[in-house]
Amino acid sequence: MSLVNFEALGDIPVTLEVRFGGRDITVEELVRLEEGASIPLGVTGDAPLEVFAGDLLLASAEPAVVDDLLAVRISATSLL
């Protein structure tokens, strides 16, 4: 039995973010960025994407295209 009534929460909007890597850079590196610059993110090209709601990791995903729009296909869930 769930302690949360999901039907009562069903209309609350939630913003999802998909993250595919990141890195720290200095302010100097930031101000020197130019159009066309590449920023290595320290992850491989086949690494799973991470799907977040706020700071909560919900799932891992892979990139997909749906109706000519970029999308994600959930490959594993962390919470759901």
C-alpha atoms as a PDB file:
ATOM      1  CA  MET A   1       0.000   0.000   0.000  1.00  0.00           C
ATOM      2  CA  SER A   2       1.390   3.390  -0.985  1.00  0.00           C
ATOM      3  CA  LEU A   3       1.588   6.225   1.499  1.00  0.00           C
ATOM      4  CA  VAL A   4       1.078   8.730  -1.332  1.00  0.00           C
ATOM      5  CA  ASN A   5      -2.251   9.219  -3.105  1.00  0.00           C
ATOM      6  CA  PHE A   6      -0.965   9.646  -6.671  1.00  0.00           C
ATOM      7  CA  GLU A   7      -4.459  10.423  -8.000  1.00  0.00           C
ATOM      8  CA  ALA A   8      -4.591  13.526  -5.796  1.00  0.00           C
ATOM      9  CA  LEU A   9      -1.192  14.653  -7.149  1.00  0.00           C
ATOM     10  CA  GLY A  10      -1.946  13.854 -10.782  1.00  0.00           C
ATOM     11  CA  ASP A  11      -2.556  17.449 -11.960  1.00  0.00           C
ATOM     12  CA  ILE A  12       0.574  18.968 -10.416  1.00  0.00           C
ATOM     13  CA  PRO A  13       3.064  19.971 -13.158  1.00  0.00           C
ATOM     14  CA  VAL A  14       6.612  18.658 -12.868  1.00  0.00           C
ATOM     15  CA  THR A  15       9.555  19.895 -14.938  1.00  0.00           C
ATOM     16  CA  LEU A  16      11.860  17.152 -16.178  1.00  0.00           C
ATOM     17  CA  GLU A  17      15.512  17.716 -17.044  1.00  0.00           C
ATOM     18  CA  VAL A  18      17.672  15.377 -19.073  1.00  0.00           C
ATOM     19  CA  ARG A  19      21.383  15.535 -18.326  1.00  0.00           C
ATOM     20  CA  PHE A  20      24.079  13.969 -20.455  1.00  0.00           C
ATOM     21  CA  GLY A  21      27.247  15.037 -18.725  1.00  0.00           C
ATOM     22  CA  GLY A  22      28.937  18.069 -17.282  1.00  0.00           C
ATOM     23  CA  ARG A  23      32.230  19.450 -16.169  1.00  0.00           C
ATOM     24  CA  ASP A  24      33.705  22.276 -14.154  1.00  0.00           C
ATOM     25  CA  ILE A  25      35.435  25.094 -16.007  1.00  0.00           C
ATOM     26  CA  THR A  26      37.102  28.256 -14.821  1.00  0.00           C
ATOM     27  CA  VAL A  27      35.631  31.715 -15.356  1.00  0.00           C
ATOM     28  CA  GLU A  28      38.482  32.366 -17.792  1.00  0.00           C
ATOM     29  CA  GLU A  29      37.503  29.321 -19.864  1.00  0.00           C
ATOM     30  CA  LEU A  30      33.869  30.432 -19.725  1.00  0.00           C
ATOM     31  CA  VAL A  31      34.502  33.912 -21.087  1.00  0.00           C
ATOM     32  CA  ARG A  32      36.735  32.516 -23.858  1.00  0.00           C
ATOM     33  CA  LEU A  33      33.997  30.274 -25.257  1.00  0.00           C
ATOM     34  CA  GLU A  34      33.226  30.999 -28.881  1.00  0.00           C
ATOM     35  CA  GLU A  35      30.678  29.758 -31.375  1.00  0.00           C
ATOM     36  CA  GLY A  36      31.784  26.347 -32.591  1.00  0.00           C
ATOM     37  CA  ALA A  37      33.821  25.544 -29.463  1.00  0.00           C
ATOM     38  CA  SER A  38      33.704  21.955 -28.178  1.00  0.00           C
ATOM     39  CA  ILE A  39      33.509  21.176 -24.467  1.00  0.00           C
ATOM     40  CA  PRO A  40      34.418  17.587 -23.512  1.00  0.00           C
ATOM     41  CA  LEU A  41      31.986  16.357 -20.855  1.00  0.00           C
ATOM     42  CA  GLY A  42      33.945  13.391 -19.547  1.00  0.00           C
ATOM     43  CA  VAL A  43      31.399  10.733 -20.517  1.00  0.00           C
ATOM     44  CA  THR A  44      31.379   8.341 -23.437  1.00  0.00           C
ATOM     45  CA  GLY A  45      29.019   8.870 -26.353  1.00  0.00           C
ATOM     46  CA  ASP A  46      27.022   5.769 -25.436  1.00  0.00           C
ATOM     47  CA  ALA A  47      26.603   6.671 -21.748  1.00  0.00           C
ATOM     48  CA  PRO A  48      22.979   6.746 -20.551  1.00  0.00           C
ATOM     49  CA  LEU A  49      21.235  10.076 -20.110  1.00  0.00           C
ATOM     50  CA  GLU A  50      19.877  10.923 -16.657  1.00  0.00           C
ATOM     51  CA  VAL A  51      16.277  12.094 -16.201  1.00  0.00           C
ATOM     52  CA  PHE A  52      15.683  14.362 -13.190  1.00  0.00           C
ATOM     53  CA  ALA A  53      12.750  16.111 -11.537  1.00  0.00           C
ATOM     54  CA  GLY A  54      14.512  18.827  -9.558  1.00  0.00           C
ATOM     55  CA  ASP A  55      17.400  17.090  -7.784  1.00  0.00           C
ATOM     56  CA  LEU A  56      15.654  13.701  -7.823  1.00  0.00           C
ATOM     57  CA  LEU A  57      17.056  11.160 -10.300  1.00  0.00           C
ATOM     58  CA  LEU A  58      14.058   9.391 -11.835  1.00  0.00           C
ATOM     59  CA  ALA A  59      15.478   7.304 -14.651  1.00  0.00           C
ATOM     60  CA  SER A  60      18.215   6.485 -17.118  1.00  0.00           C
ATOM     61  CA  ALA A  61      17.420   6.960 -20.781  1.00  0.00           C
ATOM     62  CA  GLU A  62      18.786   6.894 -24.293  1.00  0.00           C
ATOM     63  CA  PRO A  63      18.260   9.501 -27.002  1.00  0.00           C
ATOM     64  CA  ALA A  64      15.420   8.927 -29.452  1.00  0.00           C
ATOM     65  CA  VAL A  65      13.463  10.763 -32.137  1.00  0.00           C
ATOM     66  CA  VAL A  66       9.660  10.814 -32.050  1.00  0.00           C
ATOM     67  CA  ASP A  67       7.719  12.580 -34.810  1.00  0.00           C
ATOM     68  CA  ASP A  68      10.927  14.358 -35.887  1.00  0.00           C
ATOM     69  CA  LEU A  69      11.448  15.720 -32.347  1.00  0.00           C
ATOM     70  CA  LEU A  70      14.291  14.865 -29.990  1.00  0.00           C
ATOM     71  CA  ALA A  71      13.059  12.593 -27.193  1.00  0.00           C
ATOM     72  CA  VAL A  72      14.356  10.106 -24.637  1.00  0.00           C
ATOM     73  CA  ARG A  73      13.511   6.431 -24.274  1.00  0.00           C
ATOM     74  CA  ILE A  74      13.507   5.309 -20.628  1.00  0.00           C
ATOM     75  CA  SER A  75      15.860   2.375 -20.124  1.00  0.00           C
ATOM     76  CA  ALA A  76      15.727   2.037 -16.323  1.00  0.00           C
ATOM     77  CA  THR A  77      13.791   3.746 -13.549  1.00  0.00           C
ATOM     78  CA  SER A  78      15.152   4.840 -10.195  1.00  0.00           C
ATOM     79  CA  LEU A  79      11.938   5.804  -8.441  1.00  0.00           C
ATOM     80  CA  LEU A  80       8.858   5.014 -10.487  1.00  0.00           C
END
